[in-house]
N, C-alpha and C. Protein backbone atom coordinates (compact mmCIF):
# COMPACT_ATOMS: atom_id res chain seq x y z
N MET A 1 270.63 222.74 125.78
CA MET A 1 270.01 222.05 124.64
C MET A 1 269.81 223.04 123.50
N THR A 2 270.15 222.65 122.27
CA THR A 2 270.07 223.55 121.15
C THR A 2 268.62 223.84 120.79
N THR A 3 268.44 224.93 120.01
CA THR A 3 267.09 225.32 119.60
C THR A 3 266.42 224.22 118.79
N SER A 4 267.19 223.56 117.91
CA SER A 4 266.61 222.52 117.06
C SER A 4 266.11 221.34 117.89
N VAL A 5 266.86 220.98 118.93
CA VAL A 5 266.44 219.88 119.80
C VAL A 5 265.21 220.30 120.60
N LYS A 6 265.19 221.55 121.05
CA LYS A 6 264.03 222.05 121.79
C LYS A 6 262.78 221.99 120.92
N GLN A 7 262.89 222.43 119.69
CA GLN A 7 261.74 222.41 118.79
C GLN A 7 261.28 220.99 118.51
N LYS A 8 262.24 220.07 118.42
CA LYS A 8 261.90 218.67 118.22
C LYS A 8 261.11 218.13 119.41
N GLN A 9 261.53 218.52 120.61
CA GLN A 9 260.84 218.06 121.82
C GLN A 9 259.42 218.62 121.88
N LEU A 10 259.25 219.88 121.53
CA LEU A 10 257.92 220.49 121.50
C LEU A 10 257.04 219.83 120.44
N LYS A 11 257.66 219.42 119.33
CA LYS A 11 256.92 218.75 118.27
C LYS A 11 256.43 217.38 118.75
N ILE A 12 257.25 216.69 119.52
CA ILE A 12 256.84 215.40 120.08
C ILE A 12 255.62 215.58 120.98
N LEU A 13 255.67 216.61 121.82
CA LEU A 13 254.53 216.88 122.71
C LEU A 13 253.28 217.19 121.91
N LEU A 14 253.42 217.97 120.86
CA LEU A 14 252.28 218.32 120.02
C LEU A 14 251.68 217.08 119.37
N ASN A 15 252.53 216.23 118.82
CA ASN A 15 252.04 215.02 118.14
C ASN A 15 251.31 214.10 119.11
N ASP A 16 251.87 213.92 120.31
CA ASP A 16 251.23 213.06 121.31
C ASP A 16 249.90 213.65 121.75
N PHE A 17 249.88 214.97 121.93
CA PHE A 17 248.64 215.64 122.32
C PHE A 17 247.56 215.46 121.26
N GLU A 18 247.93 215.61 120.00
CA GLU A 18 246.95 215.47 118.92
C GLU A 18 246.39 214.06 118.86
N LEU A 19 247.23 213.06 119.07
CA LEU A 19 246.76 211.68 119.07
C LEU A 19 245.84 211.42 120.26
N LEU A 20 246.20 211.95 121.42
CA LEU A 20 245.36 211.80 122.60
C LEU A 20 244.01 212.47 122.39
N SER A 21 244.01 213.64 121.79
CA SER A 21 242.77 214.38 121.54
C SER A 21 241.87 213.61 120.58
N ARG A 22 242.45 213.10 119.51
CA ARG A 22 241.66 212.34 118.53
C ARG A 22 241.05 211.09 119.17
N THR A 23 241.81 210.44 120.03
CA THR A 23 241.30 209.23 120.67
C THR A 23 240.16 209.56 121.63
N ALA A 24 240.29 210.67 122.35
CA ALA A 24 239.21 211.10 123.25
C ALA A 24 237.94 211.39 122.47
N MET A 25 238.06 212.06 121.34
CA MET A 25 236.88 212.38 120.53
C MET A 25 236.28 211.11 119.91
N LEU A 26 237.14 210.14 119.59
CA LEU A 26 236.64 208.86 119.08
C LEU A 26 235.84 208.13 120.14
N GLN A 27 236.32 208.17 121.40
CA GLN A 27 235.56 207.57 122.50
C GLN A 27 234.19 208.23 122.65
N MET A 28 234.15 209.54 122.46
CA MET A 28 232.88 210.26 122.54
C MET A 28 231.92 209.76 121.46
N GLN A 29 232.42 209.55 120.25
CA GLN A 29 231.59 209.05 119.16
C GLN A 29 231.05 207.65 119.48
N ILE A 30 231.91 206.81 120.06
CA ILE A 30 231.49 205.46 120.42
C ILE A 30 230.36 205.51 121.45
N GLY A 31 230.52 206.37 122.47
CA GLY A 31 229.48 206.52 123.48
C GLY A 31 228.16 206.96 122.87
N THR A 32 228.22 207.92 121.94
CA THR A 32 227.01 208.42 121.29
C THR A 32 226.32 207.32 120.49
N LYS A 33 227.11 206.51 119.78
CA LYS A 33 226.52 205.41 119.00
C LYS A 33 225.88 204.36 119.90
N LEU A 34 226.54 204.05 121.00
CA LEU A 34 226.00 203.03 121.90
C LEU A 34 224.76 203.51 122.63
N LEU A 35 224.61 204.80 122.78
CA LEU A 35 223.38 205.32 123.39
C LEU A 35 222.18 205.00 122.50
N GLN A 36 222.41 204.97 121.20
CA GLN A 36 221.34 204.65 120.26
C GLN A 36 221.15 203.14 120.10
N ASP A 37 222.24 202.39 120.17
CA ASP A 37 222.18 200.94 120.03
C ASP A 37 223.30 200.32 120.84
N ASN A 38 222.96 199.81 122.02
CA ASN A 38 224.00 199.29 122.93
C ASN A 38 224.30 197.81 122.70
N THR A 39 223.93 197.30 121.52
CA THR A 39 224.18 195.88 121.23
C THR A 39 225.37 195.68 120.28
N ILE A 40 226.04 196.76 119.89
CA ILE A 40 227.15 196.64 118.92
C ILE A 40 228.42 196.24 119.68
N GLU A 41 228.68 194.96 119.73
CA GLU A 41 229.77 194.43 120.56
C GLU A 41 231.14 194.97 120.16
N SER A 42 231.36 195.17 118.88
CA SER A 42 232.67 195.63 118.42
C SER A 42 233.04 197.00 118.98
N LEU A 43 232.04 197.82 119.29
CA LEU A 43 232.30 199.16 119.83
C LEU A 43 232.85 199.08 121.26
N TYR A 44 232.40 198.11 122.01
CA TYR A 44 232.93 197.95 123.37
C TYR A 44 234.40 197.54 123.31
N GLU A 45 234.73 196.65 122.39
CA GLU A 45 236.12 196.22 122.24
C GLU A 45 236.99 197.39 121.79
N GLU A 46 236.48 198.19 120.88
CA GLU A 46 237.22 199.36 120.41
C GLU A 46 237.44 200.36 121.54
N ALA A 47 236.42 200.54 122.36
CA ALA A 47 236.52 201.48 123.49
C ALA A 47 237.60 201.04 124.47
N GLU A 48 237.67 199.75 124.76
CA GLU A 48 238.69 199.24 125.68
C GLU A 48 240.08 199.46 125.11
N SER A 49 240.25 199.25 123.82
CA SER A 49 241.55 199.48 123.17
C SER A 49 241.93 200.95 123.21
N ASN A 50 240.95 201.82 122.97
CA ASN A 50 241.23 203.25 123.01
C ASN A 50 241.65 203.71 124.40
N GLU A 51 241.07 203.11 125.43
CA GLU A 51 241.43 203.47 126.80
C GLU A 51 242.89 203.14 127.07
N ILE A 52 243.35 202.00 126.58
CA ILE A 52 244.76 201.62 126.75
C ILE A 52 245.66 202.64 126.06
N ILE A 53 245.28 203.05 124.86
CA ILE A 53 246.06 204.06 124.12
C ILE A 53 246.14 205.36 124.91
N MET A 54 245.00 205.81 125.45
CA MET A 54 244.97 207.07 126.18
C MET A 54 245.80 207.01 127.45
N ASP A 55 245.73 205.90 128.16
CA ASP A 55 246.53 205.75 129.38
C ASP A 55 248.02 205.80 129.07
N ARG A 56 248.43 205.12 128.02
CA ARG A 56 249.84 205.10 127.65
C ARG A 56 250.32 206.47 127.18
N LEU A 57 249.47 207.16 126.43
CA LEU A 57 249.84 208.51 125.98
C LEU A 57 249.96 209.47 127.15
N GLU A 58 249.08 209.34 128.13
CA GLU A 58 249.15 210.22 129.30
C GLU A 58 250.48 210.03 130.03
N VAL A 59 250.90 208.79 130.18
CA VAL A 59 252.19 208.51 130.82
C VAL A 59 253.34 209.06 129.99
N LYS A 60 253.27 208.84 128.68
CA LYS A 60 254.34 209.30 127.79
C LYS A 60 254.47 210.82 127.80
N ILE A 61 253.34 211.51 127.73
CA ILE A 61 253.38 212.98 127.73
C ILE A 61 253.94 213.51 129.05
N ARG A 62 253.53 212.89 130.16
CA ARG A 62 254.06 213.31 131.45
C ARG A 62 255.58 213.16 131.49
N GLU A 63 256.09 212.07 130.95
CA GLU A 63 257.53 211.85 130.91
C GLU A 63 258.22 212.84 129.98
N GLU A 64 257.59 213.14 128.85
CA GLU A 64 258.16 214.11 127.90
C GLU A 64 258.20 215.51 128.51
N VAL A 65 257.18 215.85 129.30
CA VAL A 65 257.15 217.15 129.97
C VAL A 65 258.32 217.27 130.95
N VAL A 66 258.51 216.25 131.76
CA VAL A 66 259.62 216.25 132.72
C VAL A 66 260.95 216.34 131.99
N PHE A 67 261.10 215.58 130.92
CA PHE A 67 262.34 215.59 130.13
C PHE A 67 262.61 216.98 129.58
N ALA A 68 261.56 217.61 129.02
CA ALA A 68 261.72 218.93 128.42
C ALA A 68 262.16 219.96 129.46
N ILE A 69 261.55 219.92 130.63
CA ILE A 69 261.88 220.91 131.67
C ILE A 69 263.32 220.76 132.15
N PHE A 70 263.74 219.53 132.38
CA PHE A 70 265.07 219.31 132.92
C PHE A 70 266.17 219.43 131.88
N GLN A 71 265.84 219.18 130.60
CA GLN A 71 266.88 219.21 129.58
C GLN A 71 267.18 220.60 129.05
N PHE A 72 266.15 221.44 128.88
CA PHE A 72 266.48 222.76 128.33
C PHE A 72 265.90 223.91 129.14
N THR A 73 265.58 223.65 130.40
CA THR A 73 265.11 224.69 131.32
C THR A 73 264.38 225.82 130.59
N PRO A 74 263.21 225.53 130.07
CA PRO A 74 262.47 226.51 129.27
C PRO A 74 262.11 227.76 130.07
N LYS A 75 262.04 228.86 129.38
CA LYS A 75 261.71 230.13 129.98
C LYS A 75 260.32 230.60 129.53
N ALA A 76 259.69 231.36 130.36
CA ALA A 76 258.46 232.11 130.05
C ALA A 76 257.47 231.33 129.20
N ALA A 77 257.32 231.75 127.92
CA ALA A 77 256.27 231.20 127.06
C ALA A 77 256.43 229.69 126.87
N ASP A 78 257.66 229.23 126.66
CA ASP A 78 257.88 227.79 126.45
C ASP A 78 257.49 226.99 127.69
N LEU A 79 257.85 227.49 128.85
CA LEU A 79 257.53 226.78 130.08
C LEU A 79 256.02 226.74 130.28
N ARG A 80 255.36 227.85 130.03
CA ARG A 80 253.90 227.89 130.18
C ARG A 80 253.24 226.90 129.24
N LEU A 81 253.75 226.80 128.00
CA LEU A 81 253.19 225.87 127.02
C LEU A 81 253.37 224.42 127.48
N ILE A 82 254.56 224.11 127.98
CA ILE A 82 254.84 222.73 128.41
C ILE A 82 253.95 222.35 129.59
N ILE A 83 253.80 223.24 130.55
CA ILE A 83 252.95 222.95 131.71
C ILE A 83 251.49 222.82 131.28
N THR A 84 251.09 223.62 130.29
CA THR A 84 249.71 223.53 129.80
C THR A 84 249.46 222.18 129.14
N TYR A 85 250.45 221.67 128.41
CA TYR A 85 250.32 220.32 127.85
C TYR A 85 250.03 219.31 128.96
N GLN A 86 250.74 219.44 130.06
CA GLN A 86 250.53 218.52 131.18
C GLN A 86 249.12 218.65 131.75
N ASP A 87 248.67 219.88 131.96
CA ASP A 87 247.34 220.11 132.52
C ASP A 87 246.25 219.55 131.60
N ILE A 88 246.38 219.83 130.32
CA ILE A 88 245.36 219.39 129.37
C ILE A 88 245.38 217.88 129.21
N THR A 89 246.56 217.30 129.21
CA THR A 89 246.68 215.85 129.11
C THR A 89 245.98 215.16 130.28
N THR A 90 246.17 215.70 131.48
CA THR A 90 245.51 215.14 132.66
C THR A 90 243.99 215.17 132.50
N ASN A 91 243.47 216.28 131.98
CA ASN A 91 242.02 216.38 131.79
C ASN A 91 241.51 215.47 130.69
N LEU A 92 242.29 215.31 129.62
CA LEU A 92 241.87 214.41 128.55
C LEU A 92 241.85 212.96 129.04
N GLU A 93 242.83 212.59 129.85
CA GLU A 93 242.87 211.24 130.39
C GLU A 93 241.66 211.00 131.30
N ARG A 94 241.29 212.00 132.08
CA ARG A 94 240.10 211.88 132.93
C ARG A 94 238.84 211.75 132.09
N ILE A 95 238.77 212.50 131.01
CA ILE A 95 237.63 212.41 130.11
C ILE A 95 237.53 211.00 129.53
N GLY A 96 238.68 210.44 129.17
CA GLY A 96 238.69 209.07 128.68
C GLY A 96 238.15 208.09 129.70
N ASP A 97 238.56 208.25 130.95
CA ASP A 97 238.07 207.38 132.02
C ASP A 97 236.56 207.50 132.18
N MET A 98 236.07 208.73 132.16
CA MET A 98 234.63 208.94 132.37
C MET A 98 233.81 208.43 131.18
N LEU A 99 234.35 208.58 129.97
CA LEU A 99 233.65 208.04 128.81
C LEU A 99 233.59 206.52 128.86
N LEU A 100 234.67 205.90 129.31
CA LEU A 100 234.65 204.44 129.44
C LEU A 100 233.64 204.01 130.51
N ASN A 101 233.55 204.78 131.58
CA ASN A 101 232.52 204.49 132.60
C ASN A 101 231.13 204.50 131.96
N ILE A 102 230.86 205.54 131.18
CA ILE A 102 229.56 205.67 130.53
C ILE A 102 229.30 204.50 129.59
N ILE A 103 230.30 204.13 128.83
CA ILE A 103 230.18 203.01 127.89
C ILE A 103 229.86 201.72 128.63
N HIS A 104 230.50 201.51 129.79
CA HIS A 104 230.19 200.33 130.60
C HIS A 104 228.75 200.38 131.11
N PHE A 105 228.30 201.56 131.53
CA PHE A 105 226.92 201.69 132.01
C PHE A 105 225.92 201.44 130.89
N LEU A 106 226.24 201.93 129.69
CA LEU A 106 225.33 201.75 128.56
C LEU A 106 225.10 200.27 128.24
N ARG A 107 226.12 199.50 128.45
CA ARG A 107 226.03 198.06 128.16
C ARG A 107 224.96 197.39 129.02
N GLU A 108 224.74 197.92 130.21
CA GLU A 108 223.84 197.30 131.17
C GLU A 108 222.51 198.04 131.32
N THR A 109 222.28 199.03 130.47
CA THR A 109 221.12 199.90 130.65
C THR A 109 220.18 199.84 129.46
N ASN A 110 218.90 199.81 129.73
CA ASN A 110 217.89 199.84 128.67
C ASN A 110 217.11 201.15 128.77
N LEU A 111 217.53 202.12 127.97
CA LEU A 111 216.87 203.41 127.99
C LEU A 111 215.76 203.52 126.94
N HIS A 112 215.45 202.40 126.30
CA HIS A 112 214.40 202.41 125.28
C HIS A 112 213.02 202.17 125.88
N LYS A 113 212.97 201.88 127.18
CA LYS A 113 211.68 201.73 127.84
C LYS A 113 210.94 203.07 127.89
N PRO A 114 209.63 203.07 127.71
CA PRO A 114 208.86 204.33 127.68
C PRO A 114 209.08 205.21 128.90
N GLU A 115 209.22 204.58 130.09
CA GLU A 115 209.35 205.38 131.31
C GLU A 115 210.69 206.11 131.41
N PHE A 116 211.65 205.75 130.53
CA PHE A 116 212.95 206.42 130.53
C PHE A 116 213.12 207.34 129.31
N GLU A 117 212.03 207.62 128.62
CA GLU A 117 212.09 208.40 127.39
C GLU A 117 212.66 209.80 127.64
N GLU A 118 212.16 210.48 128.68
CA GLU A 118 212.63 211.84 128.94
C GLU A 118 214.10 211.85 129.36
N GLU A 119 214.48 210.88 130.17
CA GLU A 119 215.87 210.81 130.61
C GLU A 119 216.81 210.55 129.43
N LYS A 120 216.37 209.69 128.51
CA LYS A 120 217.20 209.41 127.34
C LYS A 120 217.39 210.67 126.49
N LYS A 121 216.34 211.44 126.32
CA LYS A 121 216.43 212.70 125.56
C LYS A 121 217.46 213.63 126.21
N LYS A 122 217.41 213.71 127.53
CA LYS A 122 218.33 214.61 128.23
C LYS A 122 219.78 214.09 128.16
N ILE A 123 219.95 212.76 128.26
CA ILE A 123 221.29 212.19 128.11
C ILE A 123 221.82 212.49 126.71
N ASN A 124 220.94 212.39 125.72
CA ASN A 124 221.33 212.73 124.34
C ASN A 124 221.82 214.17 124.25
N LYS A 125 221.09 215.07 124.89
CA LYS A 125 221.48 216.48 124.89
C LYS A 125 222.82 216.69 125.59
N MET A 126 223.01 215.99 126.70
CA MET A 126 224.27 216.11 127.42
C MET A 126 225.43 215.63 126.56
N PHE A 127 225.24 214.52 125.87
CA PHE A 127 226.28 214.04 124.95
C PHE A 127 226.60 215.10 123.90
N LYS A 128 225.55 215.70 123.34
CA LYS A 128 225.74 216.72 122.30
C LYS A 128 226.54 217.89 122.84
N TYR A 129 226.18 218.38 124.01
CA TYR A 129 226.87 219.53 124.58
C TYR A 129 228.33 219.22 124.95
N VAL A 130 228.56 218.09 125.59
CA VAL A 130 229.94 217.79 126.01
C VAL A 130 230.81 217.46 124.81
N ASP A 131 230.22 216.88 123.76
CA ASP A 131 230.97 216.64 122.53
C ASP A 131 231.42 217.98 121.93
N GLU A 132 230.50 218.93 121.87
CA GLU A 132 230.83 220.27 121.36
C GLU A 132 231.88 220.94 122.25
N MET A 133 231.71 220.81 123.56
CA MET A 133 232.66 221.43 124.48
C MET A 133 234.05 220.85 124.32
N LEU A 134 234.13 219.52 124.21
CA LEU A 134 235.44 218.89 124.06
C LEU A 134 236.12 219.32 122.77
N ARG A 135 235.39 219.28 121.67
CA ARG A 135 235.96 219.69 120.38
C ARG A 135 236.41 221.15 120.41
N ASP A 136 235.55 222.01 120.93
CA ASP A 136 235.89 223.44 120.97
C ASP A 136 237.05 223.72 121.90
N ALA A 137 237.11 223.00 123.03
CA ALA A 137 238.22 223.20 123.97
C ALA A 137 239.54 222.81 123.32
N ILE A 138 239.55 221.68 122.62
CA ILE A 138 240.77 221.24 121.94
C ILE A 138 241.16 222.21 120.84
N LEU A 139 240.18 222.65 120.06
CA LEU A 139 240.46 223.61 118.99
C LEU A 139 240.96 224.93 119.55
N SER A 140 240.38 225.36 120.66
CA SER A 140 240.80 226.63 121.25
C SER A 140 242.26 226.58 121.66
N PHE A 141 242.68 225.44 122.20
CA PHE A 141 244.08 225.28 122.59
C PHE A 141 244.98 225.20 121.35
N SER A 142 244.59 224.38 120.39
CA SER A 142 245.42 224.18 119.20
C SER A 142 245.62 225.47 118.42
N ASN A 143 244.58 226.32 118.40
CA ASN A 143 244.62 227.55 117.61
C ASN A 143 244.88 228.80 118.45
N GLY A 144 245.02 228.62 119.77
CA GLY A 144 245.20 229.78 120.64
C GLY A 144 244.01 230.72 120.58
N ASP A 145 242.82 230.15 120.48
CA ASP A 145 241.59 230.91 120.26
C ASP A 145 240.85 231.10 121.60
N THR A 146 241.08 232.21 122.25
CA THR A 146 240.44 232.43 123.55
C THR A 146 238.93 232.69 123.41
N ARG A 147 238.51 233.23 122.28
CA ARG A 147 237.07 233.44 122.08
C ARG A 147 236.34 232.11 122.15
N LEU A 148 236.90 231.10 121.48
CA LEU A 148 236.30 229.77 121.50
C LEU A 148 236.41 229.14 122.89
N ALA A 149 237.49 229.45 123.59
CA ALA A 149 237.66 228.94 124.96
C ALA A 149 236.57 229.48 125.87
N TYR A 150 236.32 230.79 125.81
CA TYR A 150 235.27 231.39 126.63
C TYR A 150 233.89 230.82 126.25
N HIS A 151 233.68 230.59 124.96
CA HIS A 151 232.41 230.02 124.50
C HIS A 151 232.21 228.62 125.06
N THR A 152 233.29 227.87 125.14
CA THR A 152 233.23 226.52 125.71
C THR A 152 232.81 226.57 127.18
N ILE A 153 233.39 227.47 127.92
CA ILE A 153 233.09 227.60 129.35
C ILE A 153 231.62 227.96 129.57
N GLU A 154 231.08 228.81 128.70
CA GLU A 154 229.69 229.23 128.85
C GLU A 154 228.72 228.06 128.70
N LYS A 155 229.08 227.05 127.89
CA LYS A 155 228.19 225.91 127.67
C LYS A 155 228.08 225.00 128.89
N ASP A 156 229.01 225.12 129.81
CA ASP A 156 229.02 224.20 130.95
C ASP A 156 227.75 224.31 131.79
N ASP A 157 227.16 225.49 131.84
CA ASP A 157 225.93 225.68 132.61
C ASP A 157 224.80 224.81 132.05
N LYS A 158 224.76 224.65 130.73
CA LYS A 158 223.71 223.82 130.11
C LYS A 158 223.86 222.37 130.54
N VAL A 159 225.10 221.90 130.61
CA VAL A 159 225.36 220.53 131.03
C VAL A 159 224.98 220.35 132.50
N ASP A 160 225.35 221.30 133.33
CA ASP A 160 225.02 221.24 134.76
C ASP A 160 223.51 221.22 134.97
N ASN A 161 222.80 222.04 134.21
CA ASN A 161 221.34 222.09 134.34
C ASN A 161 220.69 220.77 133.96
N LEU A 162 221.19 220.14 132.90
CA LEU A 162 220.64 218.86 132.47
C LEU A 162 220.92 217.77 133.51
N PHE A 163 222.08 217.82 134.12
CA PHE A 163 222.41 216.86 135.17
C PHE A 163 221.40 216.97 136.31
N ARG A 164 221.09 218.18 136.73
CA ARG A 164 220.11 218.38 137.80
C ARG A 164 218.72 217.95 137.36
N GLU A 165 218.36 218.24 136.12
CA GLU A 165 217.04 217.87 135.61
C GLU A 165 216.85 216.35 135.58
N ILE A 166 217.89 215.63 135.20
CA ILE A 166 217.79 214.17 135.15
C ILE A 166 217.61 213.61 136.55
N SER A 167 218.37 214.12 137.50
CA SER A 167 218.24 213.66 138.88
C SER A 167 216.84 213.90 139.42
N GLU A 168 216.32 215.09 139.16
CA GLU A 168 214.97 215.43 139.63
C GLU A 168 213.91 214.60 138.91
N SER A 169 214.11 214.39 137.61
CA SER A 169 213.15 213.63 136.83
C SER A 169 213.07 212.18 137.29
N LEU A 170 214.21 211.59 137.60
CA LEU A 170 214.22 210.21 138.09
C LEU A 170 213.50 210.09 139.42
N GLN A 171 213.72 211.07 140.29
CA GLN A 171 213.04 211.04 141.58
C GLN A 171 211.53 211.18 141.42
N THR A 172 211.12 212.09 140.53
CA THR A 172 209.69 212.34 140.33
C THR A 172 208.99 211.13 139.70
N THR A 173 209.65 210.54 138.70
CA THR A 173 209.03 209.44 137.96
C THR A 173 208.92 208.16 138.77
N PHE A 174 209.93 207.88 139.58
CA PHE A 174 210.00 206.56 140.21
C PHE A 174 209.80 206.56 141.72
N SER A 175 209.49 207.72 142.29
CA SER A 175 209.23 207.73 143.73
C SER A 175 207.86 207.15 144.02
N ASN A 176 207.72 206.59 145.20
CA ASN A 176 206.44 206.04 145.67
C ASN A 176 205.86 204.95 144.75
N ARG A 177 206.75 204.11 144.21
CA ARG A 177 206.26 203.00 143.40
C ARG A 177 207.20 201.81 143.57
N SER A 178 206.66 200.64 143.39
CA SER A 178 207.45 199.43 143.49
C SER A 178 208.29 199.28 142.22
N LEU A 179 209.59 199.00 142.40
CA LEU A 179 210.50 198.94 141.26
C LEU A 179 211.02 197.54 141.03
N THR A 180 211.16 197.20 139.76
CA THR A 180 211.78 195.93 139.41
C THR A 180 213.30 196.08 139.50
N LYS A 181 213.97 194.94 139.50
CA LYS A 181 215.43 194.97 139.54
C LYS A 181 216.00 195.71 138.33
N GLY A 182 215.37 195.50 137.17
CA GLY A 182 215.82 196.18 135.95
C GLY A 182 215.64 197.68 136.04
N GLU A 183 214.53 198.11 136.62
CA GLU A 183 214.29 199.56 136.75
C GLU A 183 215.29 200.20 137.71
N VAL A 184 215.59 199.52 138.79
CA VAL A 184 216.59 200.05 139.73
C VAL A 184 217.93 200.21 139.05
N ARG A 185 218.31 199.18 138.29
CA ARG A 185 219.58 199.24 137.57
C ARG A 185 219.58 200.40 136.58
N ASN A 186 218.49 200.56 135.84
CA ASN A 186 218.40 201.66 134.87
C ASN A 186 218.50 203.02 135.55
N ILE A 187 217.82 203.16 136.68
CA ILE A 187 217.85 204.43 137.41
C ILE A 187 219.26 204.76 137.87
N LEU A 188 219.90 203.80 138.51
CA LEU A 188 221.26 204.04 139.02
C LEU A 188 222.23 204.33 137.88
N ASN A 189 222.14 203.55 136.79
CA ASN A 189 223.06 203.74 135.66
C ASN A 189 222.81 205.06 134.94
N THR A 190 221.54 205.43 134.80
CA THR A 190 221.23 206.71 134.15
C THR A 190 221.77 207.87 134.95
N ASN A 191 221.59 207.82 136.25
CA ASN A 191 222.12 208.88 137.11
C ASN A 191 223.65 208.91 137.05
N ALA A 192 224.27 207.74 137.02
CA ALA A 192 225.73 207.66 136.94
C ALA A 192 226.24 208.20 135.61
N MET A 193 225.54 207.91 134.53
CA MET A 193 225.95 208.43 133.22
C MET A 193 225.87 209.96 133.18
N SER A 194 224.78 210.50 133.71
CA SER A 194 224.63 211.95 133.70
C SER A 194 225.71 212.60 134.57
N TYR A 195 226.07 211.94 135.68
CA TYR A 195 227.13 212.46 136.54
C TYR A 195 228.47 212.48 135.79
N ASN A 196 228.78 211.40 135.09
CA ASN A 196 230.04 211.35 134.34
C ASN A 196 230.05 212.36 133.20
N LEU A 197 228.92 212.55 132.55
CA LEU A 197 228.85 213.56 131.50
C LEU A 197 229.05 214.97 132.07
N GLU A 198 228.48 215.19 133.24
CA GLU A 198 228.68 216.50 133.90
C GLU A 198 230.16 216.72 134.21
N ARG A 199 230.85 215.67 134.65
CA ARG A 199 232.28 215.78 134.96
C ARG A 199 233.11 215.98 133.69
N ILE A 200 232.67 215.40 132.58
CA ILE A 200 233.36 215.63 131.30
C ILE A 200 233.25 217.10 130.93
N GLY A 201 232.07 217.68 131.15
CA GLY A 201 231.92 219.12 130.89
C GLY A 201 232.87 219.94 131.73
N ASP A 202 233.05 219.54 132.98
CA ASP A 202 233.99 220.25 133.86
C ASP A 202 235.42 220.14 133.34
N SER A 203 235.80 218.96 132.85
CA SER A 203 237.16 218.77 132.35
C SER A 203 237.39 219.55 131.06
N ALA A 204 236.36 219.60 130.20
CA ALA A 204 236.47 220.42 128.98
C ALA A 204 236.62 221.89 129.35
N THR A 205 235.91 222.31 130.40
CA THR A 205 236.05 223.68 130.91
C THR A 205 237.48 223.92 131.39
N ASN A 206 238.06 222.95 132.09
CA ASN A 206 239.43 223.09 132.56
C ASN A 206 240.40 223.28 131.40
N ILE A 207 240.17 222.56 130.30
CA ILE A 207 241.03 222.70 129.12
C ILE A 207 240.91 224.11 128.55
N ALA A 208 239.67 224.60 128.47
CA ALA A 208 239.46 225.96 127.96
C ALA A 208 240.12 227.00 128.87
N GLU A 209 240.03 226.80 130.17
CA GLU A 209 240.66 227.72 131.11
C GLU A 209 242.17 227.69 130.99
N ALA A 210 242.73 226.50 130.72
CA ALA A 210 244.18 226.40 130.52
C ALA A 210 244.61 227.14 129.26
N THR A 211 243.76 227.11 128.24
CA THR A 211 244.05 227.85 127.01
C THR A 211 244.08 229.34 127.27
N ILE A 212 243.13 229.82 128.04
CA ILE A 212 243.08 231.25 128.37
C ILE A 212 244.32 231.64 129.17
N TYR A 213 244.72 230.80 130.11
CA TYR A 213 245.92 231.10 130.89
C TYR A 213 247.16 231.12 129.99
N LEU A 214 247.24 230.17 129.07
CA LEU A 214 248.39 230.10 128.17
C LEU A 214 248.44 231.32 127.26
N THR A 215 247.29 231.71 126.73
CA THR A 215 247.24 232.78 125.73
C THR A 215 247.25 234.18 126.32
N GLU A 216 246.48 234.35 127.41
CA GLU A 216 246.33 235.69 128.01
C GLU A 216 247.09 235.86 129.31
N GLY A 217 247.59 234.75 129.87
CA GLY A 217 248.26 234.83 131.16
C GLY A 217 247.29 235.13 132.29
N LYS A 218 246.00 234.78 132.06
CA LYS A 218 244.95 235.09 133.02
C LYS A 218 244.40 233.80 133.62
N ASP A 219 244.40 233.71 134.94
CA ASP A 219 243.86 232.55 135.63
C ASP A 219 242.42 232.86 136.04
N ILE A 220 241.45 232.22 135.35
CA ILE A 220 240.04 232.51 135.63
C ILE A 220 239.38 231.39 136.39
N ARG A 221 240.15 230.45 136.90
CA ARG A 221 239.56 229.36 137.68
C ARG A 221 238.94 229.89 138.97
N HIS A 222 237.90 229.20 139.44
CA HIS A 222 237.23 229.52 140.69
C HIS A 222 236.74 230.97 140.74
N GLY A 223 236.35 231.48 139.53
CA GLY A 223 235.81 232.84 139.48
C GLY A 223 236.86 233.91 139.53
N ASN A 224 238.13 233.52 139.45
CA ASN A 224 239.20 234.50 139.49
C ASN A 224 239.53 234.96 138.09
N ASP A 225 239.21 236.21 137.77
CA ASP A 225 239.48 236.72 136.43
C ASP A 225 240.55 237.78 136.44
N GLU A 226 241.34 237.79 137.47
CA GLU A 226 242.42 238.77 137.57
C GLU A 226 243.62 238.33 136.76
């Protein structure tokens, strides 16, 4: 395959990745808005449409990756870049799934009740952190910025800590008391939302780690910094 065709194929991957990234960040914005007001029906419809876009892009990118590998047998840097597109695409698609889960939970949850005030504050913080992590992870990959990638990874501890705090807070607040059906639903959904947000932080971390591997050739997953 000629150089011009190879560059065209890499450009296709870049364009699809950028669209997938923008859609993932848009889903994050929708989730944040619904946390403040879960009665905006149009946002749920938009979220469902965005999920379809992300699923289709994930399939398309996977096919483009296979095509690129078999058509011009890329070497070294090109091969690493193509495989990184696949890894990051997988994580972005997972983030989309988890954001849609959260959006579904928000539809059925009333976090405006006084007894859920602390949990809502922590969910807000988790949204803020994972939004920053996702944006920084994408930027780190797009710009080959390992400093930003390492900064993204460092934030994951804050998300993990908030996840544990919410679980403990729910147990402390609602243990040893009779619960209404609505309270049980709120508890389960709040815990599920925090779990999905924690997993989004993990996926953003994976994207940052993929950037470091692409840029430095260093695999730092599972504490391996060799």
